[in-house]
Amino acid sequence: MTSSKAVNYTSSTSPRVTYPINQIARKLDWINVVAYDFYNPALSGNRTGPFAALHSPQINAETPPCGHNGVSAWLATTMPANKIVLGLPFYGTAWCLVNENNREIFAAAAGRAQSDKVYINDLDGTLPYNQIKYFIEKHPGGRQDHSDKYVVDYFSAENTWIGYNDIHSIRAKVEYARGKGLLGYYAWHAGGDRDGTLSGAAFGAWPITGLGQAGTSTGTDNGTEIGFGTDNVTKTSTGTATSTATGVSTVTSTVTNAITGTNTNTNTFTCINSTCLAPAPTLASSL
């Protein structure tokens, strides 16, 4: 006869929420740690804040919320590190400054910012990363800052203050997740990073590994090449495929439509686990 005891975990930031750790660790493949939305104009409209802080030093004997504290709280339970995924926001939050000369983190604010250059969410002042880049481009006289203490970036122009993650912060957070032995990271959401700037920074800090064998092969491969042409039908490829140890292959091939025998082209593809896309995409992920 055996007996068991449930292990429950209560978040210090949400004491009314209790998590059955043993069941979660045993039955789930992973959990996503939402390491952002700590501050926004809807929650703290009277001051700016590091909405996606990785670290937060104590202020008046209180430790503000941050990603590290959240991950540490989970690791202090029976939740294994390799089932924890760190969240990265591909957006930021915009406040309206009370004093344009005070542009630091926790500067006095008067709610969310407004702009005729970009769309800022009416409820919480959020805007995607690609819109932040556009706003920065349209305000060449603004000030761009990075905080190593909080591991966040922020930009201010006139009375607008935007907190967000740029490539420096993304790299540091991915390196943190890797160093902690976490399963990986996720982003919310990829649509905010249309040109792959943040995705590329994340991938560079933690490349995909262990997906395949290194080597070179030459021959004929009959298969469906996703995204090639307009008909998207099965084609015959004859060419050389060179793959790396990461399982990412660059394929240069002559492609003939197997049905009509026409549309012969020479193309370069990037393949992951035998799925080829054309043209070669920018890798933007990481688990």
Protein backbone atom coordinates (compact mmCIF):
# COMPACT_ATOMS: atom_id res chain seq x y z
CA MET A 1 0.00 0.00 0.00
CA THR A 2 1.40 3.37 -0.98
CA SER A 3 0.48 6.89 -0.08
CA SER A 4 1.18 10.19 -1.70
CA LYS A 5 1.05 13.82 -0.71
CA ALA A 6 0.28 16.66 -3.08
CA VAL A 7 2.81 19.46 -3.33
CA ASN A 8 1.17 22.81 -3.97
CA TYR A 9 2.83 26.08 -4.88
CA THR A 10 1.32 29.53 -4.31
CA SER A 11 2.70 32.47 -6.29
CA SER A 12 3.90 35.37 -4.14
CA THR A 13 2.54 37.82 -6.72
CA SER A 14 -0.81 36.03 -7.02
CA PRO A 15 -1.39 34.42 -3.61
CA ARG A 16 -4.91 33.35 -4.54
CA VAL A 17 -3.59 31.06 -7.28
CA THR A 18 -2.34 27.63 -6.22
CA TYR A 19 -0.54 25.22 -8.55
CA PRO A 20 -0.36 21.43 -7.98
CA ILE A 21 3.34 21.13 -8.76
CA ASN A 22 3.68 17.34 -8.68
CA GLN A 23 0.85 16.84 -11.15
CA ILE A 24 2.15 19.62 -13.41
CA ALA A 25 5.70 18.24 -13.41
CA ARG A 26 4.48 14.71 -14.10
CA LYS A 27 1.78 15.31 -16.69
CA LEU A 28 2.84 18.36 -18.69
CA ASP A 29 5.63 18.49 -21.25
CA TRP A 30 6.45 22.09 -20.35
CA ILE A 31 5.09 25.29 -18.83
CA ASN A 32 5.41 28.79 -20.23
CA VAL A 33 6.64 31.42 -17.76
CA VAL A 34 5.12 34.76 -18.74
CA ALA A 35 8.09 36.95 -17.86
CA TYR A 36 6.53 40.25 -18.91
CA ASP A 37 3.51 42.51 -18.31
CA PHE A 38 4.85 43.42 -14.87
CA TYR A 39 4.09 47.09 -15.59
CA ASN A 40 1.92 48.90 -18.10
CA PRO A 41 -0.16 52.10 -18.09
CA ALA A 42 -3.28 50.14 -17.10
CA LEU A 43 -1.55 48.70 -14.01
CA SER A 44 0.78 51.56 -13.10
CA GLY A 45 -0.31 54.61 -15.00
CA ASN A 46 1.43 57.07 -12.68
CA ARG A 47 4.96 55.86 -13.45
CA THR A 48 6.89 54.06 -16.13
CA GLY A 49 8.30 50.62 -15.41
CA PRO A 50 10.46 47.75 -16.70
CA PHE A 51 7.51 45.74 -17.99
CA ALA A 52 9.69 42.75 -18.95
CA ALA A 53 12.48 42.98 -16.37
CA LEU A 54 14.71 39.93 -16.05
CA HIS A 55 16.16 41.18 -12.77
CA SER A 56 14.81 43.69 -10.25
CA PRO A 57 16.80 45.06 -7.31
CA GLN A 58 15.01 45.79 -4.08
CA ILE A 59 13.23 49.13 -3.70
CA ASN A 60 12.29 50.19 -0.15
CA ALA A 61 12.72 46.60 1.12
CA GLU A 62 10.44 45.29 -1.65
CA THR A 63 11.55 43.24 -4.63
CA PRO A 64 9.64 44.22 -7.77
CA PRO A 65 8.47 41.38 -10.03
CA CYS A 66 10.86 40.07 -12.65
CA GLY A 67 11.50 37.01 -14.80
CA HIS A 68 14.35 35.69 -12.67
CA ASN A 69 12.23 35.67 -9.52
CA GLY A 70 9.47 33.80 -11.34
CA VAL A 71 11.82 31.18 -12.75
CA SER A 72 13.54 30.81 -9.36
CA ALA A 73 10.20 30.28 -7.63
CA TRP A 74 9.36 27.42 -10.00
CA LEU A 75 12.82 25.89 -9.64
CA ALA A 76 12.46 26.00 -5.85
CA THR A 77 9.60 23.50 -6.20
CA THR A 78 9.79 20.03 -7.75
CA MET A 79 9.37 21.49 -11.26
CA PRO A 80 12.38 20.42 -13.36
CA ALA A 81 14.27 23.13 -15.24
CA ASN A 82 13.95 21.25 -18.54
CA LYS A 83 10.18 21.70 -18.43
CA ILE A 84 10.29 25.48 -18.04
CA VAL A 85 10.08 27.82 -21.05
CA LEU A 86 10.92 31.51 -20.65
CA GLY A 87 8.60 34.04 -22.29
CA LEU A 88 9.92 36.92 -24.40
CA PRO A 89 7.65 39.80 -25.46
CA PHE A 90 7.97 41.06 -29.00
CA TYR A 91 6.13 44.23 -28.05
CA GLY A 92 6.49 47.13 -25.63
CA THR A 93 4.46 49.56 -23.54
CA ALA A 94 4.18 53.33 -23.94
CA TRP A 95 3.57 55.89 -21.20
CA CYS A 96 3.03 59.65 -21.33
CA LEU A 97 5.73 61.41 -19.29
CA VAL A 98 4.81 64.11 -16.80
CA ASN A 99 8.22 65.77 -17.16
CA GLU A 100 10.02 65.38 -20.50
CA ASN A 101 13.37 65.90 -18.72
CA ASN A 102 12.82 62.86 -16.47
CA ARG A 103 13.19 59.90 -18.80
CA GLU A 104 14.40 57.16 -16.48
CA ILE A 105 12.72 53.92 -15.44
CA PHE A 106 10.00 54.67 -12.85
CA ALA A 107 9.70 58.27 -14.09
CA ALA A 108 6.42 60.01 -13.28
CA ALA A 109 3.79 59.35 -15.94
CA ALA A 110 0.23 60.34 -16.81
CA GLY A 111 -1.18 57.13 -18.22
CA ARG A 112 -0.61 55.71 -21.68
CA ALA A 113 1.02 57.65 -24.48
CA GLN A 114 -0.76 58.74 -27.62
CA SER A 115 0.75 59.05 -31.07
CA ASP A 116 -0.23 59.92 -34.60
CA LYS A 117 2.75 57.94 -35.91
CA VAL A 118 1.94 54.46 -34.55
CA TYR A 119 -1.01 52.58 -33.07
CA ILE A 120 -0.88 52.32 -29.28
CA ASN A 121 -3.41 50.04 -27.59
CA ASP A 122 -6.12 52.07 -25.86
CA LEU A 123 -6.31 49.74 -22.85
CA ASP A 124 -2.76 48.94 -21.80
CA GLY A 125 -0.53 51.12 -23.97
CA THR A 126 1.10 48.23 -25.81
CA LEU A 127 2.50 48.32 -29.34
CA PRO A 128 4.43 45.69 -31.36
CA TYR A 129 8.18 45.80 -31.81
CA ASN A 130 7.98 46.71 -35.52
CA GLN A 131 5.87 49.74 -34.58
CA ILE A 132 8.40 50.73 -31.91
CA LYS A 133 11.16 50.63 -34.53
CA TYR A 134 9.06 52.83 -36.79
CA PHE A 135 8.41 55.29 -33.94
CA ILE A 136 12.17 55.46 -33.21
CA GLU A 137 12.89 56.06 -36.89
CA LYS A 138 10.42 58.95 -36.96
CA HIS A 139 11.99 60.54 -33.87
CA PRO A 140 15.72 60.83 -34.63
CA GLY A 141 16.16 63.28 -31.75
CA GLY A 142 14.88 60.79 -29.17
CA ARG A 143 16.95 58.99 -26.56
CA GLN A 144 17.52 55.24 -26.62
CA ASP A 145 18.70 53.49 -23.45
CA HIS A 146 19.51 50.00 -22.22
CA SER A 147 19.43 48.92 -18.58
CA ASP A 148 21.78 46.12 -17.57
CA LYS A 149 20.24 46.20 -14.12
CA TYR A 150 16.76 45.28 -15.33
CA VAL A 151 17.79 43.86 -18.74
CA VAL A 152 15.34 46.01 -20.68
CA ASP A 153 15.49 48.76 -23.29
CA TYR A 154 13.58 52.02 -23.37
CA PHE A 155 13.17 54.93 -25.74
CA SER A 156 11.86 58.42 -25.09
CA ALA A 157 10.95 61.28 -27.38
CA GLU A 158 9.13 64.43 -26.25
CA ASN A 159 6.57 63.19 -23.71
CA THR A 160 6.44 59.56 -24.89
CA TRP A 161 8.34 56.80 -23.02
CA ILE A 162 8.41 53.25 -24.42
CA GLY A 163 9.74 50.22 -22.56
CA TYR A 164 10.57 47.17 -24.68
CA ASN A 165 13.14 44.47 -25.54
CA ASP A 166 15.72 45.17 -28.22
CA ILE A 167 18.34 42.71 -29.44
CA HIS A 168 20.62 43.24 -26.40
CA SER A 169 17.89 42.28 -23.95
CA ILE A 170 16.64 39.38 -26.06
CA ARG A 171 20.12 37.89 -26.28
CA ALA A 172 20.71 38.28 -22.55
CA LYS A 173 17.40 36.60 -21.68
CA VAL A 174 17.95 33.70 -24.05
CA GLU A 175 21.46 33.22 -22.64
CA TYR A 176 19.91 33.28 -19.16
CA ALA A 177 17.40 30.56 -20.11
CA ARG A 178 20.15 28.46 -21.63
CA GLY A 179 22.41 28.92 -18.61
CA LYS A 180 19.62 27.87 -16.25
CA GLY A 181 19.09 24.65 -18.17
CA LEU A 182 15.55 25.60 -19.19
CA LEU A 183 13.81 23.81 -22.05
CA GLY A 184 13.88 26.95 -24.17
CA TYR A 185 12.00 30.17 -24.77
CA TYR A 186 8.91 31.36 -26.57
CA ALA A 187 7.87 34.73 -27.99
CA TRP A 188 4.61 36.61 -27.86
CA HIS A 189 4.19 37.11 -30.59
CA ALA A 190 6.09 36.56 -33.81
CA GLY A 191 3.90 38.97 -35.77
CA GLY A 192 5.44 41.89 -33.88
CA ASP A 193 8.87 41.06 -35.31
CA ARG A 194 8.13 41.05 -39.00
CA ASP A 195 11.71 41.32 -40.26
CA GLY A 196 13.04 38.73 -37.81
CA THR A 197 15.36 41.09 -35.91
CA LEU A 198 14.50 39.76 -32.45
CA SER A 199 14.05 36.18 -33.64
CA GLY A 200 17.48 36.28 -35.22
CA ALA A 201 19.03 37.65 -32.03
CA ALA A 202 17.41 34.88 -30.00
CA PHE A 203 18.51 32.17 -32.43
CA GLY A 204 22.05 33.51 -32.40
CA ALA A 205 22.16 33.23 -28.62
CA TRP A 206 20.80 29.67 -28.62
CA PRO A 207 21.02 27.94 -32.04
CA ILE A 208 18.96 24.84 -32.77
CA THR A 209 21.18 21.79 -32.24
CA GLY A 210 20.89 18.03 -32.30
CA LEU A 211 18.34 17.82 -35.09
CA GLY A 212 20.37 15.92 -37.66
CA GLN A 213 23.68 14.62 -38.96
CA ALA A 214 26.31 16.54 -40.88
CA GLY A 215 27.08 15.45 -44.43
CA THR A 216 26.60 15.93 -48.15
CA SER A 217 24.42 13.91 -50.49
CA THR A 218 23.71 14.00 -54.22
CA GLY A 219 20.77 12.37 -55.90
CA THR A 220 17.07 12.54 -56.75
CA ASP A 221 14.46 13.27 -54.14
CA ASN A 222 10.73 12.97 -54.84
CA GLY A 223 8.75 15.03 -52.42
CA THR A 224 6.62 18.09 -51.81
CA GLU A 225 8.57 21.32 -51.55
CA ILE A 226 6.42 23.70 -49.58
CA GLY A 227 6.12 27.17 -51.02
CA PHE A 228 7.76 26.54 -54.40
CA GLY A 229 5.88 27.90 -57.38
CA THR A 230 2.20 28.69 -57.50
CA ASP A 231 0.72 25.22 -57.85
CA ASN A 232 2.38 23.72 -54.75
CA VAL A 233 2.27 20.20 -56.16
CA THR A 234 4.68 17.28 -55.87
CA LYS A 235 7.91 17.88 -57.79
CA THR A 236 11.10 15.99 -58.53
CA SER A 237 14.33 17.58 -57.28
CA THR A 238 17.73 16.57 -58.57
CA GLY A 239 20.67 18.22 -56.89
CA THR A 240 23.09 18.40 -54.00
CA ALA A 241 22.02 18.83 -50.38
CA THR A 242 24.60 19.89 -47.82
CA SER A 243 23.42 19.64 -44.21
CA THR A 244 25.01 20.79 -40.98
CA ALA A 245 25.06 19.06 -37.62
CA THR A 246 22.12 21.18 -36.57
CA GLY A 247 19.92 19.46 -39.12
CA VAL A 248 19.58 22.63 -41.20
CA SER A 249 20.30 21.91 -44.87
CA THR A 250 20.99 24.19 -47.81
CA VAL A 251 19.74 22.53 -50.99
CA THR A 252 20.58 23.69 -54.50
CA SER A 253 18.48 21.73 -56.95
CA THR A 254 16.94 21.62 -60.38
CA VAL A 255 13.20 21.25 -59.91
CA THR A 256 10.80 19.84 -62.50
CA ASN A 257 7.05 19.68 -62.06
CA ALA A 258 6.39 15.92 -61.91
CA ILE A 259 2.91 16.30 -63.39
CA THR A 260 3.44 18.63 -66.34
CA GLY A 261 7.18 18.20 -66.85
CA THR A 262 7.56 21.97 -67.16
CA ASN A 263 8.76 24.87 -64.99
CA THR A 264 12.33 23.67 -64.57
CA ASN A 265 14.24 26.01 -62.28
CA THR A 266 17.38 26.06 -60.18
CA ASN A 267 16.64 27.11 -56.63
CA THR A 268 18.18 27.24 -53.18
CA PHE A 269 16.16 25.96 -50.22
CA THR A 270 16.65 25.83 -46.48
CA CYS A 271 15.49 22.54 -44.99
CA ILE A 272 14.85 21.49 -41.43
CA ASN A 273 14.05 17.83 -40.82
CA SER A 274 13.38 17.28 -44.55
CA THR A 275 10.85 20.13 -44.79
CA CYS A 276 12.08 22.60 -47.41
CA LEU A 277 10.96 26.16 -47.85
CA ALA A 278 11.66 28.47 -50.75
CA PRO A 279 13.00 31.05 -50.73
CA ALA A 280 15.28 30.31 -47.80
CA PRO A 281 13.70 31.78 -44.67
CA THR A 282 15.26 33.53 -41.70
CA LEU A 283 15.32 31.10 -38.80
CA ALA A 284 13.27 32.57 -35.98
CA SER A 285 12.63 30.05 -33.31
CA SER A 286 14.18 28.05 -30.66
CA LEU A 287 12.81 25.16 -28.67
